[in-house]
Amino acid sequence: MSTTPDLTGALWVKSSFSGNGGAQCVEWAPNIAASGLVPVRDSKVPDGPALIFEAAAWASFVTFAKTRDI
């Protein structure tokens, strides 16, 4: 099954780990994530594509990333 959420009303939030220098800028849209799909994008390219993750997969990734120095 392939579902692409409408990102028109997405309220993008920059990761607290993104630096102010602009080199590592990851954003996600928590208001869209409530639908069960988590959009993630590069804030340097706001009109570019977003990666869409199922909420459970995204939660697993975040949990993994928090336990590593990546």
PDB file of N, CA and C in Angstrom:
ATOM      1  N   MET A   1       0.837  -1.176   0.000  1.00  0.00           N
ATOM      2  CA  MET A   1       0.000   0.000   0.000  1.00  0.00           C
ATOM      3  C   MET A   1       0.883   1.240   0.000  1.00  0.00           C
ATOM      4  N   SER A   2       0.591   2.166  -0.855  1.00  0.00           N
ATOM      5  CA  SER A   2       1.349   3.404  -0.931  1.00  0.00           C
ATOM      6  C   SER A   2       0.420   4.572  -0.642  1.00  0.00           C
ATOM      7  N   THR A   3       0.743   5.329   0.393  1.00  0.00           N
ATOM      8  CA  THR A   3      -0.062   6.484   0.760  1.00  0.00           C
ATOM      9  C   THR A   3       0.852   7.686   0.881  1.00  0.00           C
ATOM     10  N   THR A   4       0.536   8.727   0.161  1.00  0.00           N
ATOM     11  CA  THR A   4       1.301   9.957   0.248  1.00  0.00           C
ATOM     12  C   THR A   4       0.427  11.017   0.898  1.00  0.00           C
ATOM     13  N   PRO A   5       0.809  11.508   2.073  1.00  0.00           N
ATOM     14  CA  PRO A   5      -0.014  12.516   2.739  1.00  0.00           C
ATOM     15  C   PRO A   5       0.070  13.861   2.030  1.00  0.00           C
ATOM     16  N   ASP A   6      -0.987  14.640   2.165  1.00  0.00           N
ATOM     17  CA  ASP A   6      -1.005  16.005   1.646  1.00  0.00           C
ATOM     18  C   ASP A   6      -0.185  16.860   2.605  1.00  0.00           C
ATOM     19  N   LEU A   7       0.915  17.408   2.142  1.00  0.00           N
ATOM     20  CA  LEU A   7       1.808  18.186   2.998  1.00  0.00           C
ATOM     21  C   LEU A   7       1.564  19.684   2.908  1.00  0.00           C
ATOM     22  N   THR A   8       0.476  20.077   2.243  1.00  0.00           N
ATOM     23  CA  THR A   8       0.177  21.497   2.063  1.00  0.00           C
ATOM     24  C   THR A   8       0.117  22.240   3.391  1.00  0.00           C
ATOM     25  N   GLY A   9      -0.525  21.661   4.390  1.00  0.00           N
ATOM     26  CA  GLY A   9      -0.676  22.324   5.683  1.00  0.00           C
ATOM     27  C   GLY A   9       0.347  21.901   6.715  1.00  0.00           C
ATOM     28  N   ALA A  10       1.447  21.313   6.259  1.00  0.00           N
ATOM     29  CA  ALA A  10       2.460  20.819   7.196  1.00  0.00           C
ATOM     30  C   ALA A  10       3.103  21.971   7.962  1.00  0.00           C
ATOM     31  N   LEU A  11       3.226  21.781   9.260  1.00  0.00           N
ATOM     32  CA  LEU A  11       3.932  22.731  10.119  1.00  0.00           C
ATOM     33  C   LEU A  11       5.268  22.086  10.480  1.00  0.00           C
ATOM     34  N   TRP A  12       6.309  22.528   9.794  1.00  0.00           N
ATOM     35  CA  TRP A  12       7.617  21.888   9.910  1.00  0.00           C
ATOM     36  C   TRP A  12       8.356  22.371  11.152  1.00  0.00           C
ATOM     37  N   VAL A  13       8.981  21.436  11.851  1.00  0.00           N
ATOM     38  CA  VAL A  13       9.738  21.712  13.066  1.00  0.00           C
ATOM     39  C   VAL A  13      11.159  21.195  12.867  1.00  0.00           C
ATOM     40  N   LYS A  14      12.138  22.074  13.119  1.00  0.00           N
ATOM     41  CA  LYS A  14      13.537  21.674  12.952  1.00  0.00           C
ATOM     42  C   LYS A  14      13.993  20.860  14.159  1.00  0.00           C
ATOM     43  N   SER A  15      14.761  19.849  13.904  1.00  0.00           N
ATOM     44  CA  SER A  15      15.318  19.015  14.965  1.00  0.00           C
ATOM     45  C   SER A  15      16.154  19.862  15.914  1.00  0.00           C
ATOM     46  N   SER A  16      16.049  19.562  17.206  1.00  0.00           N
ATOM     47  CA  SER A  16      16.854  20.279  18.195  1.00  0.00           C
ATOM     48  C   SER A  16      18.341  19.960  18.034  1.00  0.00           C
ATOM     49  N   PHE A  17      18.668  18.914  17.292  1.00  0.00           N
ATOM     50  CA  PHE A  17      20.057  18.541  17.051  1.00  0.00           C
ATOM     51  C   PHE A  17      20.621  19.193  15.794  1.00  0.00           C
ATOM     52  N   SER A  18      19.805  19.911  15.048  1.00  0.00           N
ATOM     53  CA  SER A  18      20.288  20.591  13.851  1.00  0.00           C
ATOM     54  C   SER A  18      21.119  21.789  14.281  1.00  0.00           C
ATOM     55  N   GLY A  19      22.258  21.933  13.675  1.00  0.00           N
ATOM     56  CA  GLY A  19      23.140  23.036  14.027  1.00  0.00           C
ATOM     57  C   GLY A  19      22.671  24.350  13.434  1.00  0.00           C
ATOM     58  N   ASN A  20      23.134  25.455  14.012  1.00  0.00           N
ATOM     59  CA  ASN A  20      22.793  26.780  13.497  1.00  0.00           C
ATOM     60  C   ASN A  20      23.574  27.113  12.238  1.00  0.00           C
ATOM     61  N   GLY A  21      24.614  26.344  11.945  1.00  0.00           N
ATOM     62  CA  GLY A  21      25.428  26.603  10.768  1.00  0.00           C
ATOM     63  C   GLY A  21      24.763  26.201   9.465  1.00  0.00           C
ATOM     64  N   GLY A  22      23.661  25.484   9.542  1.00  0.00           N
ATOM     65  CA  GLY A  22      22.929  25.107   8.347  1.00  0.00           C
ATOM     66  C   GLY A  22      23.393  23.834   7.674  1.00  0.00           C
ATOM     67  N   ALA A  23      24.371  23.156   8.252  1.00  0.00           N
ATOM     68  CA  ALA A  23      24.899  21.961   7.593  1.00  0.00           C
ATOM     69  C   ALA A  23      24.062  20.714   7.851  1.00  0.00           C
ATOM     70  N   GLN A  24      23.406  20.659   8.988  1.00  0.00           N
ATOM     71  CA  GLN A  24      22.649  19.463   9.364  1.00  0.00           C
ATOM     72  C   GLN A  24      21.244  19.883   9.783  1.00  0.00           C
ATOM     73  N   CYS A  25      20.371  20.075   8.842  1.00  0.00           N
ATOM     74  CA  CYS A  25      19.044  20.608   9.140  1.00  0.00           C
ATOM     75  C   CYS A  25      17.951  19.620   8.744  1.00  0.00           C
ATOM     76  N   VAL A  26      17.448  18.920   9.735  1.00  0.00           N
ATOM     77  CA  VAL A  26      16.377  17.957   9.510  1.00  0.00           C
ATOM     78  C   VAL A  26      15.104  18.515  10.122  1.00  0.00           C
ATOM     79  N   GLU A  27      14.004  18.442   9.386  1.00  0.00           N
ATOM     80  CA  GLU A  27      12.711  18.893   9.882  1.00  0.00           C
ATOM     81  C   GLU A  27      11.691  17.775   9.761  1.00  0.00           C
ATOM     82  N   TRP A  28      10.692  17.813  10.616  1.00  0.00           N
ATOM     83  CA  TRP A  28       9.577  16.878  10.531  1.00  0.00           C
ATOM     84  C   TRP A  28       8.302  17.660  10.777  1.00  0.00           C
ATOM     85  N   ALA A  29       7.175  17.076  10.411  1.00  0.00           N
ATOM     86  CA  ALA A  29       5.882  17.754  10.541  1.00  0.00           C
ATOM     87  C   ALA A  29       5.000  16.986  11.522  1.00  0.00           C
ATOM     88  N   PRO A  30       5.053  17.354  12.813  1.00  0.00           N
ATOM     89  CA  PRO A  30       4.275  16.616  13.812  1.00  0.00           C
ATOM     90  C   PRO A  30       2.767  16.676  13.592  1.00  0.00           C
ATOM     91  N   ASN A  31       2.265  17.752  12.982  1.00  0.00           N
ATOM     92  CA  ASN A  31       0.816  17.811  12.754  1.00  0.00           C
ATOM     93  C   ASN A  31       0.369  16.796  11.707  1.00  0.00           C
ATOM     94  N   ILE A  32       1.237  16.420  10.791  1.00  0.00           N
ATOM     95  CA  ILE A  32       0.920  15.378   9.814  1.00  0.00           C
ATOM     96  C   ILE A  32       1.154  14.001  10.435  1.00  0.00           C
ATOM     97  N   ALA A  33       2.131  13.915  11.332  1.00  0.00           N
ATOM     98  CA  ALA A  33       2.473  12.639  11.962  1.00  0.00           C
ATOM     99  C   ALA A  33       1.294  12.050  12.727  1.00  0.00           C
ATOM    100  N   ALA A  34       0.369  12.881  13.144  1.00  0.00           N
ATOM    101  CA  ALA A  34      -0.818  12.384  13.850  1.00  0.00           C
ATOM    102  C   ALA A  34      -1.620  11.413  12.989  1.00  0.00           C
ATOM    103  N   SER A  35      -1.416  11.466  11.673  1.00  0.00           N
ATOM    104  CA  SER A  35      -2.126  10.568  10.753  1.00  0.00           C
ATOM    105  C   SER A  35      -1.494   9.177  10.704  1.00  0.00           C
ATOM    106  N   GLY A  36      -0.334   9.016  11.373  1.00  0.00           N
ATOM    107  CA  GLY A  36       0.358   7.728  11.350  1.00  0.00           C
ATOM    108  C   GLY A  36       1.513   7.680  10.370  1.00  0.00           C
ATOM    109  N   LEU A  37       1.701   8.760   9.610  1.00  0.00           N
ATOM    110  CA  LEU A  37       2.816   8.863   8.670  1.00  0.00           C
ATOM    111  C   LEU A  37       3.652  10.080   9.052  1.00  0.00           C
ATOM    112  N   VAL A  38       4.967   9.918   9.103  1.00  0.00           N
ATOM    113  CA  VAL A  38       5.854  10.986   9.555  1.00  0.00           C
ATOM    114  C   VAL A  38       6.676  11.507   8.378  1.00  0.00           C
ATOM    115  N   PRO A  39       6.412  12.757   7.939  1.00  0.00           N
ATOM    116  CA  PRO A  39       7.220  13.336   6.874  1.00  0.00           C
ATOM    117  C   PRO A  39       8.492  13.981   7.445  1.00  0.00           C
ATOM    118  N   VAL A  40       9.605  13.756   6.771  1.00  0.00           N
ATOM    119  CA  VAL A  40      10.904  14.289   7.180  1.00  0.00           C
ATOM    120  C   VAL A  40      11.541  14.911   5.942  1.00  0.00           C
ATOM    121  N   ARG A  41      12.159  16.086   6.115  1.00  0.00           N
ATOM    122  CA  ARG A  41      12.789  16.742   4.961  1.00  0.00           C
ATOM    123  C   ARG A  41      14.057  17.474   5.377  1.00  0.00           C
ATOM    124  N   ASP A  42      14.790  17.903   4.381  1.00  0.00           N
ATOM    125  CA  ASP A  42      15.983  18.725   4.556  1.00  0.00           C
ATOM    126  C   ASP A  42      15.521  20.177   4.546  1.00  0.00           C
ATOM    127  N   SER A  43      15.739  20.903   5.632  1.00  0.00           N
ATOM    128  CA  SER A  43      15.248  22.280   5.718  1.00  0.00           C
ATOM    129  C   SER A  43      15.940  23.216   4.734  1.00  0.00           C
ATOM    130  N   LYS A  44      17.099  22.814   4.230  1.00  0.00           N
ATOM    131  CA  LYS A  44      17.788  23.650   3.245  1.00  0.00           C
ATOM    132  C   LYS A  44      17.109  23.601   1.883  1.00  0.00           C
ATOM    133  N   VAL A  45      16.221  22.615   1.693  1.00  0.00           N
ATOM    134  CA  VAL A  45      15.505  22.450   0.427  1.00  0.00           C
ATOM    135  C   VAL A  45      14.009  22.304   0.744  1.00  0.00           C
ATOM    136  N   PRO A  46      13.369  23.379   1.223  1.00  0.00           N
ATOM    137  CA  PRO A  46      11.978  23.267   1.669  1.00  0.00           C
ATOM    138  C   PRO A  46      10.990  22.891   0.566  1.00  0.00           C
ATOM    139  N   ASP A  47      11.322  23.157  -0.667  1.00  0.00           N
ATOM    140  CA  ASP A  47      10.432  22.780  -1.771  1.00  0.00           C
ATOM    141  C   ASP A  47      10.799  21.418  -2.354  1.00  0.00           C
ATOM    142  N   GLY A  48      11.794  20.781  -1.772  1.00  0.00           N
ATOM    143  CA  GLY A  48      12.225  19.470  -2.241  1.00  0.00           C
ATOM    144  C   GLY A  48      11.348  18.368  -1.683  1.00  0.00           C
ATOM    145  N   PRO A  49      11.733  17.147  -1.942  1.00  0.00           N
ATOM    146  CA  PRO A  49      10.922  16.008  -1.498  1.00  0.00           C
ATOM    147  C   PRO A  49      11.031  15.783   0.008  1.00  0.00           C
ATOM    148  N   ALA A  50      10.039  15.113   0.529  1.00  0.00           N
ATOM    149  CA  ALA A  50      10.060  14.676   1.926  1.00  0.00           C
ATOM    150  C   ALA A  50      10.057  13.156   1.939  1.00  0.00           C
ATOM    151  N   LEU A  51      10.765  12.597   2.875  1.00  0.00           N
ATOM    152  CA  LEU A  51      10.706  11.155   3.092  1.00  0.00           C
ATOM    153  C   LEU A  51       9.525  10.885   4.011  1.00  0.00           C
ATOM    154  N   ILE A  52       8.749   9.862   3.712  1.00  0.00           N
ATOM    155  CA  ILE A  52       7.572   9.532   4.512  1.00  0.00           C
ATOM    156  C   ILE A  52       7.815   8.193   5.199  1.00  0.00           C
ATOM    157  N   PHE A  53       7.722   8.199   6.517  1.00  0.00           N
ATOM    158  CA  PHE A  53       7.917   6.989   7.314  1.00  0.00           C
ATOM    159  C   PHE A  53       6.629   6.628   8.035  1.00  0.00           C
ATOM    160  N   GLU A  54       6.380   5.343   8.200  1.00  0.00           N
ATOM    161  CA  GLU A  54       5.298   4.931   9.086  1.00  0.00           C
ATOM    162  C   GLU A  54       5.719   5.312  10.501  1.00  0.00           C
ATOM    163  N   ALA A  55       4.754   5.701  11.324  1.00  0.00           N
ATOM    164  CA  ALA A  55       5.057   6.205  12.664  1.00  0.00           C
ATOM    165  C   ALA A  55       5.875   5.213  13.488  1.00  0.00           C
ATOM    166  N   ALA A  56       5.549   3.932  13.423  1.00  0.00           N
ATOM    167  CA  ALA A  56       6.282   2.926  14.204  1.00  0.00           C
ATOM    168  C   ALA A  56       7.736   2.827  13.751  1.00  0.00           C
ATOM    169  N   ALA A  57       7.971   2.890  12.451  1.00  0.00           N
ATOM    170  CA  ALA A  57       9.336   2.828  11.928  1.00  0.00           C
ATOM    171  C   ALA A  57      10.125   4.066  12.352  1.00  0.00           C
ATOM    172  N   TRP A  58       9.495   5.229  12.297  1.00  0.00           N
ATOM    173  CA  TRP A  58      10.158   6.467  12.704  1.00  0.00           C
ATOM    174  C   TRP A  58      10.494   6.424  14.199  1.00  0.00           C
ATOM    175  N   ALA A  59       9.562   5.950  15.017  1.00  0.00           N
ATOM    176  CA  ALA A  59       9.801   5.852  16.460  1.00  0.00           C
ATOM    177  C   ALA A  59      10.973   4.919  16.748  1.00  0.00           C
ATOM    178  N   SER A  60      11.061   3.821  16.022  1.00  0.00           N
ATOM    179  CA  SER A  60      12.183   2.893  16.198  1.00  0.00           C
ATOM    180  C   SER A  60      13.500   3.552  15.824  1.00  0.00           C
ATOM    181  N   PHE A  61      13.512   4.299  14.727  1.00  0.00           N
ATOM    182  CA  PHE A  61      14.723   4.999  14.306  1.00  0.00           C
ATOM    183  C   PHE A  61      15.153   6.026  15.351  1.00  0.00           C
ATOM    184  N   VAL A  62      14.211   6.819  15.849  1.00  0.00           N
ATOM    185  CA  VAL A  62      14.533   7.844  16.846  1.00  0.00           C
ATOM    186  C   VAL A  62      15.080   7.194  18.116  1.00  0.00           C
ATOM    187  N   THR A  63      14.463   6.118  18.549  1.00  0.00           N
ATOM    188  CA  THR A  63      14.949   5.398  19.729  1.00  0.00           C
ATOM    189  C   THR A  63      16.377   4.916  19.507  1.00  0.00           C
ATOM    190  N   PHE A  64      16.639   4.340  18.342  1.00  0.00           N
ATOM    191  CA  PHE A  64      17.985   3.881  18.002  1.00  0.00           C
ATOM    192  C   PHE A  64      18.972   5.050  17.996  1.00  0.00           C
ATOM    193  N   ALA A  65      18.602   6.145  17.344  1.00  0.00           N
ATOM    194  CA  ALA A  65      19.504   7.291  17.216  1.00  0.00           C
ATOM    195  C   ALA A  65      19.835   7.901  18.576  1.00  0.00           C
ATOM    196  N   LYS A  66      18.889   7.892  19.482  1.00  0.00           N
ATOM    197  CA  LYS A  66      19.130   8.452  20.818  1.00  0.00           C
ATOM    198  C   LYS A  66      20.145   7.638  21.610  1.00  0.00           C
ATOM    199  N   THR A  67      20.310   6.381  21.258  1.00  0.00           N
ATOM    200  CA  THR A  67      21.246   5.527  21.994  1.00  0.00           C
ATOM    201  C   THR A  67      22.631   5.509  21.359  1.00  0.00           C
ATOM    202  N   ARG A  68      22.803   6.223  20.267  1.00  0.00           N
ATOM    203  CA  ARG A  68      24.072   6.237  19.543  1.00  0.00           C
ATOM    204  C   ARG A  68      24.601   7.662  19.441  1.00  0.00           C
ATOM    205  N   ASP A  69      25.876   7.774  19.217  1.00  0.00           N
ATOM    206  CA  ASP A  69      26.495   9.070  18.965  1.00  0.00           C
ATOM    207  C   ASP A  69      26.650   9.209  17.460  1.00  0.00           C
ATOM    208  N   ILE A  70      25.533   9.540  16.795  1.00  0.00           N
ATOM    209  CA  ILE A  70      25.578   9.653  15.333  1.00  0.00           C
ATOM    210  C   ILE A  70      25.340  11.072  14.893  1.00  0.00           C
TER     211      ILE A  70
END
